[in-house]
């Protein structure tokens, strides 16, 4: 198991919403939105700037995001966010899928 995911498992018990060889997605433990999902590459990168454009997780991140938007009925409005620099709270790159379910 990659360093990023091992680190998360030690800190939090997570309920997997999506998992592939390259990406793990789970509900944010302290959500800021009605639906707040974290998508974490299994290979640890410190920031977005450290990820090569050819990194193996990109297709899985896209697929996971699409699957979760459909599954959680977020088609009316959602965002996929990556924080960096002073806005990045933990030193491992991760993505936030946020939104509200369709009415």
Protein backbone atom coordinates (compact mmCIF):
# COMPACT_ATOMS: atom_id res chain seq x y z
CA UNK A 1 0.00 0.00 0.00
CA UNK A 2 1.37 3.41 -0.92
CA UNK A 3 2.61 5.84 1.70
CA UNK A 4 -0.30 8.29 1.31
CA UNK A 5 -2.93 5.61 1.86
CA UNK A 6 -1.05 3.96 4.74
CA UNK A 7 -0.85 7.37 6.40
CA UNK A 8 -4.59 7.92 6.03
CA UNK A 9 -5.47 4.49 7.40
CA UNK A 10 -3.47 5.18 10.56
CA UNK A 11 -5.22 8.50 11.14
CA UNK A 12 -8.81 7.72 10.24
CA UNK A 13 -11.05 4.76 9.79
CA UNK A 14 -12.36 5.33 6.27
CA UNK A 15 -15.34 3.91 4.42
CA UNK A 16 -14.24 3.40 0.84
CA UNK A 17 -16.63 4.91 -1.70
CA UNK A 18 -14.33 4.07 -4.62
CA UNK A 19 -11.05 2.24 -4.90
CA UNK A 20 -8.84 1.29 -7.82
CA UNK A 21 -5.19 0.40 -8.17
CA UNK A 22 -4.31 4.10 -8.15
CA UNK A 23 -7.01 6.06 -6.27
CA UNK A 24 -8.94 5.81 -3.01
CA UNK A 25 -12.09 7.90 -2.39
CA UNK A 26 -13.87 8.30 0.95
CA UNK A 27 -16.11 10.75 2.81
CA UNK A 28 -14.25 13.69 4.36
CA UNK A 29 -14.12 13.21 8.16
CA UNK A 30 -14.88 16.92 8.72
CA UNK A 31 -17.01 17.91 5.73
CA UNK A 32 -17.42 21.55 4.70
CA UNK A 33 -20.21 20.77 2.22
CA UNK A 34 -23.33 18.56 2.24
CA UNK A 35 -21.32 16.07 0.17
CA UNK A 36 -17.56 16.23 0.62
CA UNK A 37 -15.46 13.35 -0.75
CA UNK A 38 -11.66 13.04 -0.66
CA UNK A 39 -9.92 11.40 -3.61
CA UNK A 40 -6.34 10.42 -2.83
CA UNK A 41 -3.76 9.01 -5.23
CA UNK A 42 -2.24 5.86 -3.74
CA UNK A 43 1.21 7.06 -4.75
CA UNK A 44 2.10 9.97 -2.49
CA UNK A 45 2.93 13.33 -4.03
CA UNK A 46 3.61 16.38 -1.86
CA UNK A 47 1.74 18.79 -4.13
CA UNK A 48 0.13 19.16 -7.53
CA UNK A 49 3.43 20.57 -8.79
CA UNK A 50 5.15 17.23 -8.06
CA UNK A 51 2.84 15.11 -10.22
CA UNK A 52 4.05 14.23 -13.71
CA UNK A 53 1.44 14.71 -16.45
CA UNK A 54 1.79 11.00 -17.26
CA UNK A 55 1.13 9.78 -13.69
CA UNK A 56 -0.86 6.54 -13.74
CA UNK A 57 -3.60 7.80 -11.40
CA UNK A 58 -5.02 10.54 -13.72
CA UNK A 59 -7.44 8.25 -15.64
CA UNK A 60 -8.57 6.65 -12.37
CA UNK A 61 -9.14 10.07 -10.79
CA UNK A 62 -11.34 11.07 -13.72
CA UNK A 63 -13.23 7.77 -13.63
CA UNK A 64 -13.71 7.94 -9.85
CA UNK A 65 -14.98 11.52 -10.09
CA UNK A 66 -17.46 10.62 -12.83
CA UNK A 67 -18.68 7.54 -10.94
CA UNK A 68 -19.17 9.46 -7.70
CA UNK A 69 -20.95 12.39 -9.38
CA UNK A 70 -23.43 9.90 -10.87
CA UNK A 71 -23.73 7.72 -7.77
CA UNK A 72 -24.25 10.68 -5.42
CA UNK A 73 -26.54 12.51 -7.87
CA UNK A 74 -24.39 15.65 -8.06
CA UNK A 75 -25.11 16.43 -11.72
CA UNK A 76 -26.84 19.73 -10.85
CA UNK A 77 -23.68 21.16 -9.30
CA UNK A 78 -20.32 19.94 -8.07
CA UNK A 79 -16.66 20.96 -7.91
CA UNK A 80 -13.40 19.02 -7.99
CA UNK A 81 -10.85 20.97 -5.97
CA UNK A 82 -7.13 20.57 -5.31
CA UNK A 83 -5.47 22.86 -2.80
CA UNK A 84 -1.83 23.89 -2.89
CA UNK A 85 0.71 26.04 -1.12
CA UNK A 86 -0.66 27.76 1.97
CA UNK A 87 -4.13 26.36 1.19
CA UNK A 88 -2.97 22.74 1.46
CA UNK A 89 -3.59 21.50 5.02
CA UNK A 90 -1.76 18.16 4.72
CA UNK A 91 1.50 17.50 2.85
CA UNK A 92 0.00 14.89 0.50
CA UNK A 93 -1.88 15.93 -2.62
CA UNK A 94 -5.56 15.06 -2.57
CA UNK A 95 -8.70 16.18 -4.35
CA UNK A 96 -12.05 17.29 -2.93
CA UNK A 97 -15.27 16.41 -4.73
CA UNK A 98 -17.94 18.67 -3.24
CA UNK A 99 -21.55 19.46 -3.97
CA UNK A 100 -25.16 18.95 -3.11
CA UNK A 101 -27.41 16.16 -4.28
CA UNK A 102 -29.96 16.96 -6.98
CA UNK A 103 -33.36 17.93 -5.54
